[in-house]
Amino acid sequence: MLTKKQLDLLKFIQKRVQADGVPPSFDEMKEALDLRSKSGIHRLITALEERGFIRRLAHRARAIEIVKLPESMGGAPTIESAFTPKVIQGDRPDSMPPQAQAIVVGDVVRLPKLGRIAAGAPIEAITDGNSHISVPADMLNAQGKHYALEVKGDSMIDAGINNGDVVIIAETSHANNGDIVVAQVDGYEATLKRFMRKGGMIALEAANPAYETRVLPEGSVKVQGRLVGLIRSY
């Protein structure tokens, strides 16, 4: 399944390849999709490549090759389960296995470190139920489950969240405007962003001017947790 922007970009690339024999430049793609920065195009290109629709060839200018097309563009039917999205696990079970549960030792809680979360482009999750991180008990809410995630990316740097930081997440499906949340988009892509509800739409706002705000239908966004703490190693 492709998002509208991903599909629009794939259609534009195909049209230009058919017309000119070469794919468009990043500037042309940015203008065609009405994006403010080329970083948005980089994310869309990465998503299309991960899903097997295009291939980037090394050491060649404008080296994008279309590998396949979705059914809506005349391609052969695809099996969605064959695609493993490069994001934090979105289908994490409601009840975590025993080795992935929080462990309380006095005033310290050892939280399960479930993987990585994208603060920028989607990335591959590394999920290891045996990995834990110790945090002060008073950092956590009195009730509810918590877990830890390693941040990869720089889209939240103006909120004080840097690449490599570990964020502490309170598991919840609800969020208030202004909360920084783990948000799952369209059932597969997950990211760490600021949550804002605008009518029937949800805005996922970055804290870095290089990244655009994503405005999505409410049904496309599922909140999986809310930021309650951060740990940084120097």
Protein backbone atom coordinates (compact mmCIF):
# COMPACT_ATOMS: atom_id res chain seq x y z
CA MET A 1 0.00 0.00 0.00
CA LEU A 2 1.35 3.40 -1.01
CA THR A 3 0.43 6.77 0.42
CA LYS A 4 -1.00 9.37 -1.94
CA LYS A 5 2.31 11.28 -2.07
CA GLN A 6 4.28 8.09 -2.76
CA LEU A 7 1.90 7.16 -5.57
CA ASP A 8 1.99 10.69 -7.00
CA LEU A 9 5.78 10.60 -7.08
CA LEU A 10 5.88 7.18 -8.73
CA LYS A 11 3.44 8.38 -11.40
CA PHE A 12 5.54 11.50 -12.02
CA ILE A 13 8.75 9.48 -12.35
CA GLN A 14 7.11 7.03 -14.74
CA LYS A 15 5.68 9.85 -16.86
CA ARG A 16 9.05 11.58 -17.18
CA VAL A 17 10.90 8.35 -17.96
CA GLN A 18 8.41 7.54 -20.71
CA ALA A 19 8.60 11.06 -22.14
CA ASP A 20 12.34 11.84 -21.81
CA GLY A 21 14.03 8.51 -21.22
CA VAL A 22 15.47 9.72 -17.89
CA PRO A 23 13.89 10.29 -14.49
CA PRO A 24 13.31 13.84 -13.20
CA SER A 25 15.71 15.67 -10.91
CA PHE A 26 15.01 16.05 -7.21
CA ASP A 27 14.18 19.73 -7.77
CA GLU A 28 11.66 18.79 -10.44
CA MET A 29 10.11 16.17 -8.17
CA LYS A 30 9.90 18.67 -5.32
CA GLU A 31 8.14 21.20 -7.55
CA ALA A 32 5.77 18.62 -9.05
CA LEU A 33 4.63 17.42 -5.60
CA ASP A 34 4.57 20.96 -4.16
CA LEU A 35 6.95 20.13 -1.30
CA ARG A 36 8.95 22.76 0.52
CA SER A 37 12.21 20.84 0.77
CA LYS A 38 14.06 18.04 -0.97
CA SER A 39 14.18 16.09 2.29
CA GLY A 40 10.54 15.18 1.69
CA ILE A 41 11.46 13.77 -1.71
CA HIS A 42 14.32 11.79 -0.16
CA ARG A 43 11.85 10.18 2.27
CA LEU A 44 9.41 9.33 -0.52
CA ILE A 45 12.16 7.88 -2.70
CA THR A 46 13.39 5.77 0.24
CA ALA A 47 9.86 4.50 0.89
CA LEU A 48 9.35 3.53 -2.77
CA GLU A 49 12.71 1.77 -2.83
CA GLU A 50 11.98 -0.15 0.37
CA ARG A 51 8.67 -1.32 -1.10
CA GLY A 52 10.40 -2.57 -4.22
CA PHE A 53 8.85 -0.14 -6.73
CA ILE A 54 12.08 1.60 -7.71
CA ARG A 55 15.80 0.95 -7.59
CA ARG A 56 18.57 3.52 -7.19
CA LEU A 57 21.69 2.79 -9.24
CA ALA A 58 25.09 3.84 -7.91
CA HIS A 59 27.46 6.27 -9.63
CA ARG A 60 24.93 7.56 -12.14
CA ALA A 61 23.11 10.88 -12.27
CA ARG A 62 19.33 10.67 -11.87
CA ALA A 63 19.82 6.91 -11.45
CA ILE A 64 16.30 5.80 -10.58
CA GLU A 65 14.87 2.70 -12.25
CA ILE A 66 11.21 1.66 -11.98
CA VAL A 67 11.11 -2.01 -10.98
CA LYS A 68 7.37 -2.56 -10.73
CA LEU A 69 4.08 -0.69 -10.63
CA PRO A 70 1.13 -0.98 -8.26
CA GLU A 71 -2.17 -2.39 -9.54
CA SER A 72 -3.64 1.13 -9.77
CA MET A 73 -0.98 1.91 -12.40
CA GLY A 74 -1.38 -1.33 -14.33
CA GLY A 75 1.09 -3.43 -12.37
CA ALA A 76 0.66 -7.02 -11.30
CA PRO A 77 -1.04 -7.75 -7.97
CA THR A 78 1.37 -7.75 -5.05
CA ILE A 79 1.31 -9.61 -1.76
CA GLU A 80 1.38 -7.00 0.99
CA SER A 81 2.75 -9.45 3.54
CA ALA A 82 5.94 -9.76 1.49
CA PHE A 83 6.87 -6.22 2.49
CA THR A 84 8.44 -5.68 5.89
CA PRO A 85 8.34 -1.93 6.54
CA LYS A 86 11.48 -0.36 7.96
CA VAL A 87 9.89 1.16 11.03
CA ILE A 88 9.36 0.32 14.65
CA GLN A 89 7.17 -2.75 15.00
CA GLY A 90 3.59 -1.53 14.58
CA ASP A 91 2.02 -4.88 15.47
CA ARG A 92 3.65 -5.20 18.87
CA PRO A 93 1.39 -7.45 20.97
CA ASP A 94 -0.72 -5.90 23.73
CA SER A 95 0.86 -8.28 26.23
CA MET A 96 4.64 -8.28 25.99
CA PRO A 97 6.56 -11.51 26.71
CA PRO A 98 7.99 -11.85 30.25
CA GLN A 99 11.52 -10.87 29.19
CA ALA A 100 10.11 -7.62 27.71
CA GLN A 101 8.29 -6.52 30.86
CA ALA A 102 9.41 -3.72 33.17
CA ILE A 103 11.42 -4.85 36.21
CA VAL A 104 11.22 -2.82 39.43
CA VAL A 105 14.30 -2.74 41.69
CA GLY A 106 13.85 -0.28 44.57
CA ASP A 107 13.58 3.23 43.11
CA VAL A 108 14.79 2.09 39.71
CA VAL A 109 12.73 0.54 36.93
CA ARG A 110 14.33 -1.51 34.16
CA LEU A 111 12.23 -0.87 31.06
CA PRO A 112 12.23 -3.03 27.95
CA LYS A 113 14.08 -1.36 25.10
CA LEU A 114 11.89 -2.44 22.21
CA GLY A 115 13.83 -1.02 19.27
CA ARG A 116 14.32 2.16 17.30
CA ILE A 117 11.92 4.92 16.32
CA ALA A 118 12.31 7.25 13.37
CA ALA A 119 12.66 10.97 13.95
CA GLY A 120 12.94 11.60 10.24
CA ALA A 121 12.72 8.96 7.53
CA PRO A 122 11.42 5.47 8.47
CA ILE A 123 14.16 3.09 9.57
CA GLU A 124 14.51 -0.57 10.32
CA ALA A 125 13.40 -1.69 13.75
CA ILE A 126 15.72 -3.73 15.91
CA THR A 127 13.51 -5.42 18.47
CA ASP A 128 15.13 -7.32 21.30
CA GLY A 129 12.98 -8.32 24.23
CA ASN A 130 16.08 -9.10 26.29
CA SER A 131 17.35 -5.50 26.19
CA HIS A 132 16.47 -3.20 29.10
CA ILE A 133 17.39 0.28 30.27
CA SER A 134 17.29 1.52 33.88
CA VAL A 135 15.34 4.72 34.67
CA PRO A 136 14.28 6.43 37.92
CA ALA A 137 10.83 5.29 39.02
CA ASP A 138 9.65 8.88 39.44
CA MET A 139 10.15 9.47 35.69
CA LEU A 140 7.19 7.18 35.02
CA ASN A 141 3.48 7.53 35.53
CA ALA A 142 2.11 5.72 38.54
CA GLN A 143 0.04 3.43 36.33
CA GLY A 144 0.34 2.02 32.84
CA LYS A 145 3.01 0.32 30.76
CA HIS A 146 6.17 2.04 29.61
CA TYR A 147 8.89 1.17 27.16
CA ALA A 148 12.07 2.69 25.73
CA LEU A 149 13.06 3.44 22.13
CA GLU A 150 16.29 4.65 20.56
CA VAL A 151 15.83 7.74 18.37
CA LYS A 152 17.25 7.73 14.86
CA GLY A 153 17.04 11.00 12.95
CA ASP A 154 17.03 14.74 13.56
CA SER A 155 13.45 15.85 12.95
CA MET A 156 12.85 16.60 16.67
CA ILE A 157 16.08 18.42 17.54
CA ASP A 158 14.35 21.72 18.34
CA ALA A 159 12.38 19.84 21.00
CA GLY A 160 15.67 18.72 22.55
CA ILE A 161 15.50 15.20 21.10
CA ASN A 162 18.69 14.23 19.29
CA ASN A 163 19.80 11.32 17.18
CA GLY A 164 20.89 8.49 19.50
CA ASP A 165 18.79 9.61 22.48
CA VAL A 166 16.62 7.05 24.25
CA VAL A 167 13.03 8.17 24.77
CA ILE A 168 10.75 6.81 27.48
CA ILE A 169 7.24 6.19 26.19
CA ALA A 170 4.04 5.70 28.20
CA GLU A 171 1.85 3.29 26.28
CA THR A 172 -1.44 4.94 25.31
CA SER A 173 -3.78 5.27 22.36
CA HIS A 174 -4.82 8.83 23.26
CA ALA A 175 -2.97 12.13 22.92
CA ASN A 176 -3.61 15.81 23.57
CA ASN A 177 -2.58 18.62 21.27
CA GLY A 178 1.10 19.34 21.76
CA ASP A 179 2.05 15.88 23.04
CA ILE A 180 5.07 14.22 21.45
CA VAL A 181 3.91 10.76 20.48
CA VAL A 182 4.83 7.53 18.77
CA ALA A 183 2.41 7.65 15.84
CA GLN A 184 1.74 4.82 13.44
CA VAL A 185 0.71 5.98 9.95
CA ASP A 186 -1.43 3.90 7.59
CA GLY A 187 -0.78 0.76 9.63
CA TYR A 188 2.92 0.40 8.89
CA GLU A 189 5.03 3.56 9.20
CA ALA A 190 5.83 4.81 12.71
CA THR A 191 7.49 8.03 13.75
CA LEU A 192 8.12 10.30 16.73
CA LYS A 193 6.35 13.64 16.20
CA ARG A 194 4.29 16.33 17.94
CA PHE A 195 0.56 15.56 17.78
CA MET A 196 -2.01 18.19 16.78
CA ARG A 197 -5.67 17.54 16.03
CA LYS A 198 -7.25 19.90 13.49
CA GLY A 199 -10.88 19.09 12.84
CA GLY A 200 -11.00 15.63 11.30
CA MET A 201 -7.30 15.75 10.47
CA ILE A 202 -4.16 14.95 12.45
CA ALA A 203 -0.98 17.00 12.02
CA LEU A 204 2.30 15.29 12.88
CA GLU A 205 4.69 18.17 13.40
CA ALA A 206 8.46 17.94 13.30
CA ALA A 207 10.65 20.13 15.49
CA ASN A 208 13.10 20.91 12.72
CA PRO A 209 12.35 23.39 9.91
CA ALA A 210 13.95 21.02 7.40
CA TYR A 211 10.99 18.65 7.75
CA GLU A 212 7.45 19.34 6.62
CA THR A 213 4.38 18.86 8.80
CA ARG A 214 2.35 15.84 7.74
CA VAL A 215 -1.42 16.38 7.80
CA LEU A 216 -3.33 13.11 7.59
CA PRO A 217 -6.92 11.89 7.99
CA GLU A 218 -7.67 10.95 11.58
CA GLY A 219 -8.22 7.32 10.62
CA SER A 220 -4.71 7.07 9.16
CA VAL A 221 -2.95 7.82 12.45
CA LYS A 222 -2.79 5.51 15.46
CA VAL A 223 -1.14 6.77 18.65
CA GLN A 224 0.99 4.06 20.27
CA GLY A 225 2.51 6.03 23.12
CA ARG A 226 3.37 9.43 24.59
CA LEU A 227 6.82 10.77 25.44
CA VAL A 228 7.39 11.08 29.19
CA GLY A 229 11.17 11.11 29.49
CA LEU A 230 14.51 11.13 27.73
CA ILE A 231 17.94 9.67 28.45
CA ARG A 232 21.11 10.86 26.76
CA SER A 233 24.61 9.40 26.89
CA TYR A 234 27.68 11.59 26.44
